[in-house]
Amino acid sequence: TQDGHVLQYAAEHRRCIHVVTCAIKENGMALEFAEKTWRSHRNLVYDAVWQNGLALKFASEELRSDLEIVQRAVRQNGLALEFAAEELRSDLEVVRMAVNHNDLALAFASEELQRRFIAEIIQNLPGPT
């Protein structure tokens, strides 16, 4: 597979774990085209978000609630926070990881954490000279 999107065009191979694994290691976003079963396969999803955090979008609902999977995703791409389960978008550590990678990830945090981060930013602004 050259770009990992072979699964998009090779429906007959979407069930083969070896083909899916190779595709995902080249392009985590290939998870989109994998059979639904593989989107719940923890190791496969971990590999996908390792390669591209935004692949979290295609993970099963259960794995979008998995702390380790979500942490790996937001470390790779902070914007993956958008696809994390609601409870993890309210987790201070997860949100901090995401925002440290990309400030724009704050838009996907819970309202409470958005207010908290903004208050911290304001508090740390230099005063008038």
N, C-alpha and C. Protein backbone atom coordinates (compact mmCIF):
# COMPACT_ATOMS: atom_id res chain seq x y z
N THR A 1 0.85 -1.19 0.00
CA THR A 1 0.00 0.00 0.00
C THR A 1 0.88 1.24 0.00
N GLN A 2 0.59 2.15 -0.87
CA GLN A 2 1.44 3.32 -0.99
C GLN A 2 1.07 4.43 -0.03
N ASP A 3 -0.21 4.70 0.15
CA ASP A 3 -0.59 5.78 1.04
C ASP A 3 -1.54 5.34 2.13
N GLY A 4 -1.76 4.06 2.28
CA GLY A 4 -2.62 3.57 3.34
C GLY A 4 -4.10 3.60 3.00
N HIS A 5 -4.48 4.27 1.92
CA HIS A 5 -5.88 4.35 1.55
C HIS A 5 -6.31 3.21 0.63
N VAL A 6 -5.49 2.18 0.52
CA VAL A 6 -5.84 1.03 -0.30
C VAL A 6 -7.19 0.45 0.13
N LEU A 7 -7.49 0.57 1.42
CA LEU A 7 -8.74 0.00 1.92
C LEU A 7 -9.96 0.68 1.30
N GLN A 8 -9.80 1.92 0.90
CA GLN A 8 -10.90 2.65 0.30
C GLN A 8 -11.33 1.98 -1.01
N TYR A 9 -10.38 1.41 -1.71
CA TYR A 9 -10.65 0.85 -3.03
C TYR A 9 -10.63 -0.67 -3.05
N ALA A 10 -10.33 -1.28 -1.94
CA ALA A 10 -10.19 -2.74 -1.90
C ALA A 10 -11.10 -3.33 -0.84
N ALA A 11 -12.38 -3.23 -1.06
CA ALA A 11 -13.37 -3.67 -0.07
C ALA A 11 -13.15 -5.11 0.36
N GLU A 12 -12.69 -5.95 -0.54
CA GLU A 12 -12.51 -7.36 -0.19
C GLU A 12 -11.39 -7.57 0.82
N HIS A 13 -10.51 -6.56 0.99
CA HIS A 13 -9.39 -6.69 1.93
C HIS A 13 -9.67 -6.03 3.28
N ARG A 14 -10.79 -5.38 3.44
CA ARG A 14 -11.11 -4.67 4.68
C ARG A 14 -11.27 -5.60 5.87
N ARG A 15 -11.47 -6.88 5.61
CA ARG A 15 -11.64 -7.86 6.68
C ARG A 15 -10.32 -8.49 7.09
N CYS A 16 -9.30 -8.32 6.30
CA CYS A 16 -8.01 -8.96 6.56
C CYS A 16 -7.17 -8.11 7.52
N ILE A 17 -6.91 -8.64 8.70
CA ILE A 17 -6.18 -7.88 9.72
C ILE A 17 -4.80 -7.46 9.24
N HIS A 18 -4.15 -8.28 8.45
CA HIS A 18 -2.80 -7.96 7.98
C HIS A 18 -2.82 -6.78 7.01
N VAL A 19 -3.77 -6.77 6.11
CA VAL A 19 -3.89 -5.65 5.16
C VAL A 19 -4.27 -4.38 5.90
N VAL A 20 -5.23 -4.49 6.82
CA VAL A 20 -5.67 -3.32 7.58
C VAL A 20 -4.51 -2.77 8.41
N THR A 21 -3.76 -3.63 9.06
CA THR A 21 -2.63 -3.19 9.88
C THR A 21 -1.59 -2.46 9.04
N CYS A 22 -1.25 -3.02 7.89
CA CYS A 22 -0.28 -2.36 7.00
C CYS A 22 -0.78 -1.00 6.54
N ALA A 23 -2.03 -0.92 6.17
CA ALA A 23 -2.60 0.34 5.69
C ALA A 23 -2.57 1.39 6.80
N ILE A 24 -2.95 1.00 8.00
CA ILE A 24 -3.02 1.94 9.12
C ILE A 24 -1.63 2.41 9.54
N LYS A 25 -0.66 1.55 9.47
CA LYS A 25 0.71 1.97 9.83
C LYS A 25 1.25 3.00 8.85
N GLU A 26 0.76 2.98 7.62
CA GLU A 26 1.16 3.98 6.63
C GLU A 26 0.33 5.24 6.74
N ASN A 27 -0.94 5.08 7.09
CA ASN A 27 -1.83 6.23 7.19
C ASN A 27 -2.96 5.87 8.16
N GLY A 28 -2.87 6.42 9.36
CA GLY A 28 -3.86 6.11 10.39
C GLY A 28 -5.29 6.38 9.96
N MET A 29 -5.46 7.32 9.05
CA MET A 29 -6.81 7.66 8.60
C MET A 29 -7.45 6.54 7.78
N ALA A 30 -6.67 5.54 7.40
CA ALA A 30 -7.22 4.37 6.70
C ALA A 30 -8.22 3.63 7.59
N LEU A 31 -8.19 3.91 8.90
CA LEU A 31 -9.15 3.29 9.79
C LEU A 31 -10.58 3.56 9.33
N GLU A 32 -10.79 4.68 8.66
CA GLU A 32 -12.12 5.02 8.15
C GLU A 32 -12.69 3.92 7.26
N PHE A 33 -11.84 3.25 6.52
CA PHE A 33 -12.29 2.28 5.53
C PHE A 33 -12.21 0.84 6.03
N ALA A 34 -11.74 0.66 7.25
CA ALA A 34 -11.65 -0.68 7.82
C ALA A 34 -13.04 -1.17 8.21
N GLU A 35 -13.20 -2.47 8.25
CA GLU A 35 -14.46 -3.06 8.72
C GLU A 35 -14.76 -2.53 10.12
N LYS A 36 -16.02 -2.41 10.44
CA LYS A 36 -16.45 -1.89 11.74
C LYS A 36 -15.81 -2.66 12.90
N THR A 37 -15.65 -3.94 12.74
CA THR A 37 -15.02 -4.78 13.78
C THR A 37 -13.64 -4.26 14.16
N TRP A 38 -12.87 -3.86 13.18
CA TRP A 38 -11.50 -3.41 13.43
C TRP A 38 -11.47 -2.06 14.13
N ARG A 39 -12.53 -1.28 14.03
CA ARG A 39 -12.59 0.02 14.69
C ARG A 39 -12.74 -0.12 16.21
N SER A 40 -13.02 -1.34 16.65
CA SER A 40 -13.11 -1.64 18.08
C SER A 40 -11.90 -2.42 18.57
N HIS A 41 -10.98 -2.71 17.69
CA HIS A 41 -9.77 -3.47 18.01
C HIS A 41 -8.75 -2.51 18.63
N ARG A 42 -8.53 -2.65 19.93
CA ARG A 42 -7.73 -1.67 20.68
C ARG A 42 -6.33 -1.45 20.09
N ASN A 43 -5.61 -2.51 19.82
CA ASN A 43 -4.25 -2.36 19.31
C ASN A 43 -4.23 -1.69 17.94
N LEU A 44 -5.17 -2.04 17.11
CA LEU A 44 -5.25 -1.46 15.78
C LEU A 44 -5.56 0.04 15.86
N VAL A 45 -6.52 0.40 16.70
CA VAL A 45 -6.87 1.82 16.86
C VAL A 45 -5.70 2.58 17.47
N TYR A 46 -5.01 1.96 18.43
CA TYR A 46 -3.83 2.61 19.03
C TYR A 46 -2.80 2.92 17.94
N ASP A 47 -2.54 1.95 17.07
CA ASP A 47 -1.60 2.18 15.96
C ASP A 47 -2.07 3.30 15.04
N ALA A 48 -3.38 3.33 14.79
CA ALA A 48 -3.94 4.36 13.90
C ALA A 48 -3.75 5.76 14.49
N VAL A 49 -4.07 5.93 15.77
CA VAL A 49 -3.94 7.27 16.38
C VAL A 49 -2.49 7.62 16.64
N TRP A 50 -1.63 6.62 16.75
CA TRP A 50 -0.19 6.87 16.87
C TRP A 50 0.29 7.53 15.57
N GLN A 51 -0.21 7.01 14.46
CA GLN A 51 0.21 7.52 13.15
C GLN A 51 -0.49 8.84 12.84
N ASN A 52 -1.76 8.96 13.20
CA ASN A 52 -2.52 10.19 12.94
C ASN A 52 -3.62 10.29 14.01
N GLY A 53 -3.46 11.22 14.92
CA GLY A 53 -4.40 11.37 16.02
C GLY A 53 -5.84 11.56 15.58
N LEU A 54 -6.01 12.17 14.41
CA LEU A 54 -7.37 12.42 13.93
C LEU A 54 -8.12 11.14 13.56
N ALA A 55 -7.40 10.03 13.48
CA ALA A 55 -8.05 8.73 13.22
C ALA A 55 -8.99 8.36 14.36
N LEU A 56 -8.87 9.04 15.49
CA LEU A 56 -9.79 8.80 16.60
C LEU A 56 -11.23 8.95 16.15
N LYS A 57 -11.45 9.77 15.18
CA LYS A 57 -12.80 10.00 14.63
C LYS A 57 -13.46 8.69 14.20
N PHE A 58 -12.68 7.73 13.75
CA PHE A 58 -13.22 6.50 13.19
C PHE A 58 -13.18 5.33 14.17
N ALA A 59 -12.71 5.57 15.38
CA ALA A 59 -12.66 4.53 16.40
C ALA A 59 -14.07 4.29 16.95
N SER A 60 -14.26 3.14 17.53
CA SER A 60 -15.55 2.83 18.14
C SER A 60 -15.80 3.80 19.30
N GLU A 61 -17.07 3.93 19.65
CA GLU A 61 -17.44 4.80 20.77
C GLU A 61 -16.70 4.39 22.04
N GLU A 62 -16.60 3.10 22.26
CA GLU A 62 -15.90 2.59 23.45
C GLU A 62 -14.45 3.06 23.48
N LEU A 63 -13.76 3.00 22.36
CA LEU A 63 -12.35 3.39 22.35
C LEU A 63 -12.16 4.90 22.37
N ARG A 64 -13.18 5.64 21.98
CA ARG A 64 -13.11 7.10 22.11
C ARG A 64 -13.27 7.52 23.57
N SER A 65 -13.62 6.55 24.43
CA SER A 65 -13.70 6.76 25.88
C SER A 65 -12.49 6.18 26.60
N ASP A 66 -11.58 5.57 25.88
CA ASP A 66 -10.41 4.92 26.46
C ASP A 66 -9.32 5.96 26.70
N LEU A 67 -8.96 6.18 27.95
CA LEU A 67 -8.02 7.23 28.32
C LEU A 67 -6.69 7.10 27.57
N GLU A 68 -6.13 5.92 27.52
CA GLU A 68 -4.82 5.74 26.87
C GLU A 68 -4.90 6.03 25.37
N ILE A 69 -5.94 5.57 24.73
CA ILE A 69 -6.11 5.81 23.29
C ILE A 69 -6.25 7.31 23.03
N VAL A 70 -7.09 7.97 23.82
CA VAL A 70 -7.32 9.40 23.62
C VAL A 70 -6.05 10.21 23.93
N GLN A 71 -5.35 9.86 24.97
CA GLN A 71 -4.09 10.56 25.27
C GLN A 71 -3.11 10.43 24.11
N ARG A 72 -2.99 9.24 23.56
CA ARG A 72 -2.08 9.03 22.42
C ARG A 72 -2.52 9.89 21.24
N ALA A 73 -3.83 9.94 21.00
CA ALA A 73 -4.36 10.70 19.87
C ALA A 73 -4.07 12.19 20.02
N VAL A 74 -4.34 12.76 21.21
CA VAL A 74 -4.16 14.20 21.37
C VAL A 74 -2.69 14.59 21.47
N ARG A 75 -1.84 13.65 21.86
CA ARG A 75 -0.39 13.94 21.82
C ARG A 75 0.09 14.04 20.38
N GLN A 76 -0.52 13.22 19.51
CA GLN A 76 -0.13 13.24 18.10
C GLN A 76 -0.74 14.44 17.40
N ASN A 77 -1.99 14.76 17.75
CA ASN A 77 -2.68 15.91 17.14
C ASN A 77 -3.72 16.41 18.14
N GLY A 78 -3.47 17.56 18.71
CA GLY A 78 -4.36 18.11 19.73
C GLY A 78 -5.80 18.23 19.28
N LEU A 79 -6.01 18.43 18.00
CA LEU A 79 -7.37 18.60 17.48
C LEU A 79 -8.18 17.31 17.55
N ALA A 80 -7.52 16.19 17.83
CA ALA A 80 -8.24 14.92 18.01
C ALA A 80 -9.17 14.98 19.21
N LEU A 81 -8.98 15.96 20.08
CA LEU A 81 -9.88 16.13 21.23
C LEU A 81 -11.33 16.21 20.79
N GLU A 82 -11.57 16.72 19.61
CA GLU A 82 -12.93 16.83 19.08
C GLU A 82 -13.65 15.49 19.06
N PHE A 83 -12.93 14.41 18.88
CA PHE A 83 -13.52 13.10 18.70
C PHE A 83 -13.50 12.25 19.98
N ALA A 84 -12.94 12.80 21.05
CA ALA A 84 -12.91 12.08 22.33
C ALA A 84 -14.30 12.09 22.96
N ALA A 85 -14.56 11.10 23.78
CA ALA A 85 -15.83 11.04 24.51
C ALA A 85 -15.96 12.27 25.40
N GLU A 86 -17.18 12.65 25.65
CA GLU A 86 -17.46 13.87 26.42
C GLU A 86 -16.73 13.90 27.76
N GLU A 87 -16.71 12.76 28.46
CA GLU A 87 -16.06 12.76 29.78
C GLU A 87 -14.56 13.06 29.68
N LEU A 88 -13.94 12.68 28.58
CA LEU A 88 -12.51 12.96 28.42
C LEU A 88 -12.26 14.39 27.94
N ARG A 89 -13.26 15.00 27.34
CA ARG A 89 -13.13 16.41 26.98
C ARG A 89 -13.30 17.30 28.21
N SER A 90 -13.65 16.66 29.34
CA SER A 90 -13.75 17.35 30.62
C SER A 90 -12.59 16.97 31.54
N ASP A 91 -11.67 16.17 31.06
CA ASP A 91 -10.52 15.71 31.85
C ASP A 91 -9.37 16.71 31.69
N LEU A 92 -8.97 17.31 32.81
CA LEU A 92 -7.95 18.37 32.77
C LEU A 92 -6.66 17.90 32.11
N GLU A 93 -6.19 16.72 32.45
CA GLU A 93 -4.93 16.23 31.90
C GLU A 93 -5.02 16.04 30.38
N VAL A 94 -6.11 15.45 29.92
CA VAL A 94 -6.30 15.22 28.49
C VAL A 94 -6.37 16.55 27.74
N VAL A 95 -7.15 17.47 28.27
CA VAL A 95 -7.30 18.78 27.60
C VAL A 95 -5.97 19.52 27.59
N ARG A 96 -5.25 19.45 28.70
CA ARG A 96 -3.93 20.13 28.74
C ARG A 96 -2.99 19.56 27.67
N MET A 97 -2.99 18.23 27.53
CA MET A 97 -2.16 17.60 26.49
C MET A 97 -2.55 18.12 25.11
N ALA A 98 -3.85 18.16 24.86
CA ALA A 98 -4.34 18.60 23.55
C ALA A 98 -3.97 20.06 23.29
N VAL A 99 -4.19 20.91 24.26
CA VAL A 99 -3.92 22.35 24.10
C VAL A 99 -2.42 22.60 24.00
N ASN A 100 -1.61 21.81 24.70
CA ASN A 100 -0.16 21.96 24.56
C ASN A 100 0.30 21.65 23.15
N HIS A 101 -0.42 20.76 22.48
CA HIS A 101 -0.07 20.42 21.10
C HIS A 101 -0.62 21.46 20.13
N ASN A 102 -1.85 21.93 20.40
CA ASN A 102 -2.49 22.88 19.49
C ASN A 102 -3.50 23.71 20.29
N ASP A 103 -3.24 25.00 20.41
CA ASP A 103 -4.12 25.89 21.18
C ASP A 103 -5.58 25.81 20.74
N LEU A 104 -5.80 25.56 19.47
CA LEU A 104 -7.16 25.52 18.94
C LEU A 104 -7.98 24.36 19.51
N ALA A 105 -7.32 23.39 20.10
CA ALA A 105 -8.01 22.25 20.70
C ALA A 105 -8.91 22.69 21.86
N LEU A 106 -8.63 23.84 22.44
CA LEU A 106 -9.45 24.33 23.55
C LEU A 106 -10.92 24.44 23.15
N ALA A 107 -11.19 24.66 21.89
CA ALA A 107 -12.57 24.77 21.40
C ALA A 107 -13.36 23.47 21.62
N PHE A 108 -12.67 22.35 21.79
CA PHE A 108 -13.33 21.06 21.94
C PHE A 108 -13.40 20.59 23.39
N ALA A 109 -12.84 21.39 24.30
CA ALA A 109 -12.90 21.07 25.73
C ALA A 109 -14.28 21.41 26.28
N SER A 110 -14.57 20.86 27.44
CA SER A 110 -15.84 21.19 28.09
C SER A 110 -15.87 22.69 28.39
N GLU A 111 -17.07 23.24 28.51
CA GLU A 111 -17.20 24.67 28.80
C GLU A 111 -16.49 25.04 30.09
N GLU A 112 -16.59 24.19 31.08
CA GLU A 112 -15.93 24.45 32.36
C GLU A 112 -14.42 24.59 32.18
N LEU A 113 -13.82 23.66 31.45
CA LEU A 113 -12.37 23.74 31.24
C LEU A 113 -11.99 24.89 30.32
N GLN A 114 -12.84 25.23 29.38
CA GLN A 114 -12.57 26.41 28.55
C GLN A 114 -12.48 27.65 29.43
N ARG A 115 -13.45 27.81 30.34
CA ARG A 115 -13.43 28.97 31.25
C ARG A 115 -12.18 28.95 32.12
N ARG A 116 -11.82 27.77 32.61
CA ARG A 116 -10.64 27.65 33.49
C ARG A 116 -9.36 28.03 32.73
N PHE A 117 -9.20 27.53 31.52
CA PHE A 117 -8.00 27.84 30.74
C PHE A 117 -7.94 29.34 30.40
N ILE A 118 -9.07 29.90 30.03
CA ILE A 118 -9.10 31.32 29.69
C ILE A 118 -8.77 32.16 30.92
N ALA A 119 -9.29 31.78 32.08
CA ALA A 119 -8.97 32.50 33.32
C ALA A 119 -7.48 32.42 33.61
N GLU A 120 -6.86 31.25 33.41
CA GLU A 120 -5.41 31.09 33.62
C GLU A 120 -4.63 31.99 32.66
N ILE A 121 -5.07 32.05 31.43
CA ILE A 121 -4.39 32.89 30.44
C ILE A 121 -4.47 34.36 30.85
N ILE A 122 -5.65 34.78 31.25
CA ILE A 122 -5.83 36.17 31.65
C ILE A 122 -4.99 36.48 32.88
N GLN A 123 -4.97 35.57 33.81
CA GLN A 123 -4.19 35.75 35.04
C GLN A 123 -2.70 35.88 34.74
N ASN A 124 -2.24 35.20 33.71
CA ASN A 124 -0.80 35.22 33.38
C ASN A 124 -0.41 36.32 32.41
N LEU A 125 -1.36 37.13 32.00
CA LEU A 125 -1.03 38.26 31.11
C LEU A 125 -0.19 39.27 31.88
N PRO A 126 0.79 39.85 31.21
CA PRO A 126 1.59 40.87 31.90
C PRO A 126 0.72 42.08 32.22
N GLY A 127 0.94 42.65 33.37
CA GLY A 127 0.18 43.83 33.78
C GLY A 127 0.66 45.06 33.04
N PRO A 128 -0.07 46.16 33.21
CA PRO A 128 0.34 47.42 32.55
C PRO A 128 1.69 47.88 33.09
N THR A 129 2.45 48.46 32.21
CA THR A 129 3.78 48.96 32.64
C THR A 129 3.79 50.43 32.83
